């Protein structure tokens, strides 16, 4: 099932879920501060950037760096 999803659809779904959760929190009366906004931004951006960096055809340096970390662990 997951093999039929494109990266673009997965990124869109990820950001959509996070925006839905943030909207629900705002509607429930939670205060949204600058720190919360920065955290949400990081949660949205970091996984997306990493996923796009290790896509097929990414520069070999990134793939080699991640492979080296995986082998050490």
PDB file of N, CA and C in Angstrom:
ATOM      1  N   UNK A   1       0.814  -1.178   0.000  1.00  0.00           N
ATOM      2  CA  UNK A   1       0.000   0.000   0.000  1.00  0.00           C
ATOM      3  C   UNK A   1       0.869   1.258   0.000  1.00  0.00           C
ATOM      4  N   UNK A   2       1.886   1.312   0.823  1.00  0.00           N
ATOM      5  CA  UNK A   2       2.723   2.499   0.886  1.00  0.00           C
ATOM      6  C   UNK A   2       3.546   2.704  -0.370  1.00  0.00           C
ATOM      7  N   UNK A   3       3.798   1.655  -1.134  1.00  0.00           N
ATOM      8  CA  UNK A   3       4.596   1.817  -2.343  1.00  0.00           C
ATOM      9  C   UNK A   3       3.834   2.594  -3.412  1.00  0.00           C
ATOM     10  N   UNK A   4       2.527   2.680  -3.305  1.00  0.00           N
ATOM     11  CA  UNK A   4       1.743   3.417  -4.294  1.00  0.00           C
ATOM     12  C   UNK A   4       1.692   4.911  -3.995  1.00  0.00           C
ATOM     13  N   UNK A   5       2.158   5.336  -2.818  1.00  0.00           N
ATOM     14  CA  UNK A   5       2.165   6.750  -2.458  1.00  0.00           C
ATOM     15  C   UNK A   5       3.399   7.430  -3.032  1.00  0.00           C
ATOM     16  N   UNK A   6       3.215   8.609  -3.581  1.00  0.00           N
ATOM     17  CA  UNK A   6       4.371   9.382  -4.030  1.00  0.00           C
ATOM     18  C   UNK A   6       4.882  10.219  -2.858  1.00  0.00           C
ATOM     19  N   UNK A   7       6.099  10.691  -2.977  1.00  0.00           N
ATOM     20  CA  UNK A   7       6.654  11.519  -1.903  1.00  0.00           C
ATOM     21  C   UNK A   7       5.868  12.811  -1.740  1.00  0.00           C
ATOM     22  N   UNK A   8       5.408  13.358  -2.858  1.00  0.00           N
ATOM     23  CA  UNK A   8       4.616  14.590  -2.784  1.00  0.00           C
ATOM     24  C   UNK A   8       3.328  14.395  -2.005  1.00  0.00           C
ATOM     25  N   UNK A   9       2.649  13.264  -2.239  1.00  0.00           N
ATOM     26  CA  UNK A   9       1.420  12.971  -1.499  1.00  0.00           C
ATOM     27  C   UNK A   9       1.712  12.750  -0.022  1.00  0.00           C
ATOM     28  N   UNK A  10       2.804  12.083   0.278  1.00  0.00           N
ATOM     29  CA  UNK A  10       3.161  11.821   1.662  1.00  0.00           C
ATOM     30  C   UNK A  10       3.501  13.117   2.397  1.00  0.00           C
ATOM     31  N   UNK A  11       4.237  14.003   1.751  1.00  0.00           N
ATOM     32  CA  UNK A  11       4.575  15.294   2.357  1.00  0.00           C
ATOM     33  C   UNK A  11       3.301  16.100   2.597  1.00  0.00           C
ATOM     34  N   UNK A  12       2.411  16.121   1.608  1.00  0.00           N
ATOM     35  CA  UNK A  12       1.155  16.848   1.765  1.00  0.00           C
ATOM     36  C   UNK A  12       0.305  16.301   2.896  1.00  0.00           C
ATOM     37  N   UNK A  13       0.250  14.994   3.009  1.00  0.00           N
ATOM     38  CA  UNK A  13      -0.518  14.373   4.091  1.00  0.00           C
ATOM     39  C   UNK A  13       0.098  14.695   5.452  1.00  0.00           C
ATOM     40  N   UNK A  14       1.426  14.660   5.534  1.00  0.00           N
ATOM     41  CA  UNK A  14       2.127  14.957   6.788  1.00  0.00           C
ATOM     42  C   UNK A  14       1.820  16.371   7.248  1.00  0.00           C
ATOM     43  N   UNK A  15       1.943  17.322   6.354  1.00  0.00           N
ATOM     44  CA  UNK A  15       1.690  18.717   6.717  1.00  0.00           C
ATOM     45  C   UNK A  15       0.205  18.923   7.017  1.00  0.00           C
ATOM     46  N   UNK A  16      -0.667  18.259   6.280  1.00  0.00           N
ATOM     47  CA  UNK A  16      -2.097  18.359   6.552  1.00  0.00           C
ATOM     48  C   UNK A  16      -2.476  17.853   7.931  1.00  0.00           C
ATOM     49  N   UNK A  17      -1.895  16.734   8.335  1.00  0.00           N
ATOM     50  CA  UNK A  17      -2.173  16.188   9.670  1.00  0.00           C
ATOM     51  C   UNK A  17      -1.693  17.150  10.748  1.00  0.00           C
ATOM     52  N   UNK A  18      -0.498  17.690  10.571  1.00  0.00           N
ATOM     53  CA  UNK A  18       0.027  18.611  11.581  1.00  0.00           C
ATOM     54  C   UNK A  18      -0.797  19.892  11.659  1.00  0.00           C
ATOM     55  N   UNK A  19      -1.239  20.407  10.518  1.00  0.00           N
ATOM     56  CA  UNK A  19      -2.081  21.603  10.542  1.00  0.00           C
ATOM     57  C   UNK A  19      -3.438  21.320  11.171  1.00  0.00           C
ATOM     58  N   UNK A  20      -3.966  20.128  10.964  1.00  0.00           N
ATOM     59  CA  UNK A  20      -5.233  19.748  11.580  1.00  0.00           C
ATOM     60  C   UNK A  20      -5.097  19.687  13.099  1.00  0.00           C
ATOM     61  N   UNK A  21      -4.011  19.104  13.573  1.00  0.00           N
ATOM     62  CA  UNK A  21      -3.774  19.026  15.017  1.00  0.00           C
ATOM     63  C   UNK A  21      -3.587  20.425  15.606  1.00  0.00           C
ATOM     64  N   UNK A  22      -2.833  21.281  14.901  1.00  0.00           N
ATOM     65  CA  UNK A  22      -2.627  22.649  15.386  1.00  0.00           C
ATOM     66  C   UNK A  22      -3.945  23.420  15.404  1.00  0.00           C
ATOM     67  N   UNK A  23      -4.770  23.240  14.373  1.00  0.00           N
ATOM     68  CA  UNK A  23      -6.077  23.900  14.342  1.00  0.00           C
ATOM     69  C   UNK A  23      -6.985  23.432  15.456  1.00  0.00           C
ATOM     70  N   UNK A  24      -6.966  22.134  15.726  1.00  0.00           N
ATOM     71  CA  UNK A  24      -7.784  21.595  16.816  1.00  0.00           C
ATOM     72  C   UNK A  24      -7.313  22.142  18.161  1.00  0.00           C
ATOM     73  N   UNK A  25      -6.000  22.274  18.322  1.00  0.00           N
ATOM     74  CA  UNK A  25      -5.475  22.828  19.570  1.00  0.00           C
ATOM     75  C   UNK A  25      -5.886  24.279  19.725  1.00  0.00           C
ATOM     76  N   UNK A  26      -5.830  25.034  18.641  1.00  0.00           N
ATOM     77  CA  UNK A  26      -6.219  26.443  18.708  1.00  0.00           C
ATOM     78  C   UNK A  26      -7.711  26.586  19.010  1.00  0.00           C
ATOM     79  N   UNK A  27      -8.541  25.753  18.399  1.00  0.00           N
ATOM     80  CA  UNK A  27      -9.979  25.823  18.640  1.00  0.00           C
ATOM     81  C   UNK A  27     -10.366  25.390  20.047  1.00  0.00           C
ATOM     82  N   UNK A  28      -9.539  24.547  20.655  1.00  0.00           N
ATOM     83  CA  UNK A  28      -9.854  24.091  22.006  1.00  0.00           C
ATOM     84  C   UNK A  28      -9.418  25.091  23.072  1.00  0.00           C
ATOM     85  N   UNK A  29      -8.780  26.182  22.644  1.00  0.00           N
ATOM     86  CA  UNK A  29      -8.428  27.227  23.607  1.00  0.00           C
ATOM     87  C   UNK A  29      -6.970  27.231  24.028  1.00  0.00           C
ATOM     88  N   UNK A  30      -6.163  26.373  23.469  1.00  0.00           N
ATOM     89  CA  UNK A  30      -4.744  26.368  23.804  1.00  0.00           C
ATOM     90  C   UNK A  30      -4.095  27.631  23.267  1.00  0.00           C
ATOM     91  N   UNK A  31      -3.192  28.203  24.051  1.00  0.00           N
ATOM     92  CA  UNK A  31      -2.476  29.380  23.565  1.00  0.00           C
ATOM     93  C   UNK A  31      -1.323  28.920  22.673  1.00  0.00           C
ATOM     94  N   UNK A  32      -1.128  29.631  21.589  1.00  0.00           N
ATOM     95  CA  UNK A  32      -0.051  29.296  20.660  1.00  0.00           C
ATOM     96  C   UNK A  32       0.988  30.404  20.757  1.00  0.00           C
ATOM     97  N   UNK A  33       2.125  30.088  21.345  1.00  0.00           N
ATOM     98  CA  UNK A  33       3.189  31.071  21.556  1.00  0.00           C
ATOM     99  C   UNK A  33       4.221  30.967  20.439  1.00  0.00           C
ATOM    100  N   UNK A  34       5.201  31.853  20.478  1.00  0.00           N
ATOM    101  CA  UNK A  34       6.271  31.825  19.478  1.00  0.00           C
ATOM    102  C   UNK A  34       7.067  30.523  19.583  1.00  0.00           C
ATOM    103  N   UNK A  35       7.282  30.056  20.796  1.00  0.00           N
ATOM    104  CA  UNK A  35       7.994  28.792  20.985  1.00  0.00           C
ATOM    105  C   UNK A  35       7.236  27.613  20.402  1.00  0.00           C
ATOM    106  N   UNK A  36       5.932  27.614  20.605  1.00  0.00           N
ATOM    107  CA  UNK A  36       5.101  26.559  20.017  1.00  0.00           C
ATOM    108  C   UNK A  36       5.149  26.611  18.502  1.00  0.00           C
ATOM    109  N   UNK A  37       5.108  27.820  17.968  1.00  0.00           N
ATOM    110  CA  UNK A  37       5.166  27.976  16.513  1.00  0.00           C
ATOM    111  C   UNK A  37       6.490  27.468  15.958  1.00  0.00           C
ATOM    112  N   UNK A  38       7.584  27.761  16.643  1.00  0.00           N
ATOM    113  CA  UNK A  38       8.900  27.282  16.207  1.00  0.00           C
ATOM    114  C   UNK A  38       8.966  25.763  16.262  1.00  0.00           C
ATOM    115  N   UNK A  39       8.407  25.186  17.303  1.00  0.00           N
ATOM    116  CA  UNK A  39       8.390  23.730  17.419  1.00  0.00           C
ATOM    117  C   UNK A  39       7.561  23.104  16.302  1.00  0.00           C
ATOM    118  N   UNK A  40       6.400  23.653  16.030  1.00  0.00           N
ATOM    119  CA  UNK A  40       5.568  23.136  14.942  1.00  0.00           C
ATOM    120  C   UNK A  40       6.273  23.269  13.600  1.00  0.00           C
ATOM    121  N   UNK A  41       6.951  24.395  13.392  1.00  0.00           N
ATOM    122  CA  UNK A  41       7.690  24.590  12.147  1.00  0.00           C
ATOM    123  C   UNK A  41       8.759  23.522  11.994  1.00  0.00           C
ATOM    124  N   UNK A  42       9.512  23.249  13.074  1.00  0.00           N
ATOM    125  CA  UNK A  42      10.560  22.223  13.017  1.00  0.00           C
ATOM    126  C   UNK A  42       9.965  20.840  12.763  1.00  0.00           C
ATOM    127  N   UNK A  43       8.853  20.532  13.409  1.00  0.00           N
ATOM    128  CA  UNK A  43       8.216  19.228  13.231  1.00  0.00           C
ATOM    129  C   UNK A  43       7.720  19.064  11.802  1.00  0.00           C
ATOM    130  N   UNK A  44       7.284  20.157  11.192  1.00  0.00           N
ATOM    131  CA  UNK A  44       6.808  20.092   9.810  1.00  0.00           C
ATOM    132  C   UNK A  44       7.956  20.006   8.817  1.00  0.00           C
ATOM    133  N   UNK A  45       9.008  20.758   9.048  1.00  0.00           N
ATOM    134  CA  UNK A  45      10.043  20.927   8.036  1.00  0.00           C
ATOM    135  C   UNK A  45      11.119  19.842   8.089  1.00  0.00           C
ATOM    136  N   UNK A  46      11.590  19.487   9.258  1.00  0.00           N
ATOM    137  CA  UNK A  46      12.736  18.571   9.359  1.00  0.00           C
ATOM    138  C   UNK A  46      12.462  17.211   8.713  1.00  0.00           C
ATOM    139  N   UNK A  47      11.361  16.505   9.036  1.00  0.00           N
ATOM    140  CA  UNK A  47      11.136  15.215   8.377  1.00  0.00           C
ATOM    141  C   UNK A  47      10.963  15.347   6.864  1.00  0.00           C
ATOM    142  N   UNK A  48      10.311  16.425   6.440  1.00  0.00           N
ATOM    143  CA  UNK A  48      10.099  16.629   5.010  1.00  0.00           C
ATOM    144  C   UNK A  48      11.416  16.843   4.288  1.00  0.00           C
ATOM    145  N   UNK A  49      12.282  17.671   4.845  1.00  0.00           N
ATOM    146  CA  UNK A  49      13.585  17.940   4.221  1.00  0.00           C
ATOM    147  C   UNK A  49      14.429  16.670   4.191  1.00  0.00           C
ATOM    148  N   UNK A  50      14.444  15.924   5.274  1.00  0.00           N
ATOM    149  CA  UNK A  50      15.226  14.682   5.292  1.00  0.00           C
ATOM    150  C   UNK A  50      14.706  13.692   4.261  1.00  0.00           C
ATOM    151  N   UNK A  51      13.388  13.584   4.139  1.00  0.00           N
ATOM    152  CA  UNK A  51      12.827  12.654   3.171  1.00  0.00           C
ATOM    153  C   UNK A  51      13.198  13.058   1.748  1.00  0.00           C
ATOM    154  N   UNK A  52      13.180  14.356   1.463  1.00  0.00           N
ATOM    155  CA  UNK A  52      13.522  14.814   0.125  1.00  0.00           C
ATOM    156  C   UNK A  52      15.024  14.704  -0.144  1.00  0.00           C
ATOM    157  N   UNK A  53      15.850  14.780   0.911  1.00  0.00           N
ATOM    158  CA  UNK A  53      17.297  14.690   0.730  1.00  0.00           C
ATOM    159  C   UNK A  53      17.746  13.267   0.414  1.00  0.00           C
ATOM    160  N   UNK A  54      17.054  12.263   0.899  1.00  0.00           N
ATOM    161  CA  UNK A  54      17.474  10.880   0.669  1.00  0.00           C
ATOM    162  C   UNK A  54      16.677  10.217  -0.445  1.00  0.00           C
ATOM    163  N   UNK A  55      16.008  11.022  -1.253  1.00  0.00           N
ATOM    164  CA  UNK A  55      15.265  10.478  -2.392  1.00  0.00           C
ATOM    165  C   UNK A  55      16.238   9.848  -3.375  1.00  0.00           C
ATOM    166  N   UNK A  56      15.770   8.952  -4.217  1.00  0.00           N
ATOM    167  CA  UNK A  56      16.653   8.410  -5.250  1.00  0.00           C
ATOM    168  C   UNK A  56      17.165   9.551  -6.127  1.00  0.00           C
ATOM    169  N   UNK A  57      18.447   9.540  -6.374  1.00  0.00           N
ATOM    170  CA  UNK A  57      19.049  10.599  -7.159  1.00  0.00           C
ATOM    171  C   UNK A  57      19.579  11.738  -6.307  1.00  0.00           C
ATOM    172  N   UNK A  58      19.484  11.616  -4.995  1.00  0.00           N
ATOM    173  CA  UNK A  58      20.047  12.638  -4.114  1.00  0.00           C
ATOM    174  C   UNK A  58      21.568  12.585  -4.218  1.00  0.00           C
ATOM    175  N   UNK A  59      22.225  13.658  -3.856  1.00  0.00           N
ATOM    176  CA  UNK A  59      23.686  13.630  -3.904  1.00  0.00           C
ATOM    177  C   UNK A  59      24.236  12.465  -3.084  1.00  0.00           C
ATOM    178  N   UNK A  60      25.210  11.736  -3.605  1.00  0.00           N
ATOM    179  CA  UNK A  60      25.725  10.568  -2.894  1.00  0.00           C
ATOM    180  C   UNK A  60      26.281  10.897  -1.515  1.00  0.00           C
ATOM    181  N   UNK A  61      26.738  12.106  -1.318  1.00  0.00           N
ATOM    182  CA  UNK A  61      27.319  12.454  -0.024  1.00  0.00           C
ATOM    183  C   UNK A  61      26.294  12.279   1.098  1.00  0.00           C
ATOM    184  N   UNK A  62      25.057  12.674   0.876  1.00  0.00           N
ATOM    185  CA  UNK A  62      24.030  12.538   1.908  1.00  0.00           C
ATOM    186  C   UNK A  62      23.733  11.068   2.164  1.00  0.00           C
ATOM    187  N   UNK A  63      23.586  10.286   1.114  1.00  0.00           N
ATOM    188  CA  UNK A  63      23.297   8.868   1.287  1.00  0.00           C
ATOM    189  C   UNK A  63      24.458   8.164   1.987  1.00  0.00           C
ATOM    190  N   UNK A  64      25.688   8.512   1.637  1.00  0.00           N
ATOM    191  CA  UNK A  64      26.845   7.904   2.279  1.00  0.00           C
ATOM    192  C   UNK A  64      26.935   8.302   3.740  1.00  0.00           C
ATOM    193  N   UNK A  65      26.611   9.556   4.054  1.00  0.00           N
ATOM    194  CA  UNK A  65      26.663  10.008   5.444  1.00  0.00           C
ATOM    195  C   UNK A  65      25.639   9.267   6.296  1.00  0.00           C
ATOM    196  N   UNK A  66      24.429   9.097   5.784  1.00  0.00           N
ATOM    197  CA  UNK A  66      23.416   8.379   6.536  1.00  0.00           C
ATOM    198  C   UNK A  66      23.772   6.902   6.672  1.00  0.00           C
ATOM    199  N   UNK A  67      24.346   6.321   5.652  1.00  0.00           N
ATOM    200  CA  UNK A  67      24.761   4.923   5.703  1.00  0.00           C
ATOM    201  C   UNK A  67      25.865   4.732   6.736  1.00  0.00           C
ATOM    202  N   UNK A  68      26.817   5.670   6.794  1.00  0.00           N
ATOM    203  CA  UNK A  68      27.917   5.572   7.750  1.00  0.00           C
ATOM    204  C   UNK A  68      27.385   5.650   9.182  1.00  0.00           C
ATOM    205  N   UNK A  69      26.411   6.519   9.432  1.00  0.00           N
ATOM    206  CA  UNK A  69      25.822   6.635  10.767  1.00  0.00           C
ATOM    207  C   UNK A  69      25.096   5.355  11.114  1.00  0.00           C
ATOM    208  N   UNK A  70      24.389   4.768  10.150  1.00  0.00           N
ATOM    209  CA  UNK A  70      23.650   3.538  10.378  1.00  0.00           C
ATOM    210  C   UNK A  70      24.594   2.387  10.717  1.00  0.00           C
ATOM    211  N   UNK A  71      25.725   2.313  10.086  1.00  0.00           N
ATOM    212  CA  UNK A  71      26.669   1.229  10.327  1.00  0.00           C
ATOM    213  C   UNK A  71      27.324   1.340  11.692  1.00  0.00           C
ATOM    214  N   UNK A  72      27.525   2.581  12.189  1.00  0.00           N
ATOM    215  CA  UNK A  72      28.164   2.760  13.496  1.00  0.00           C
ATOM    216  C   UNK A  72      27.231   2.369  14.635  1.00  0.00           C
ATOM    217  N   UNK A  73      25.921   2.591  14.422  1.00  0.00           N
ATOM    218  CA  UNK A  73      24.932   2.380  15.488  1.00  0.00           C
ATOM    219  C   UNK A  73      24.784   0.953  15.786  1.00  0.00           C
TER     220      UNK A  73
END
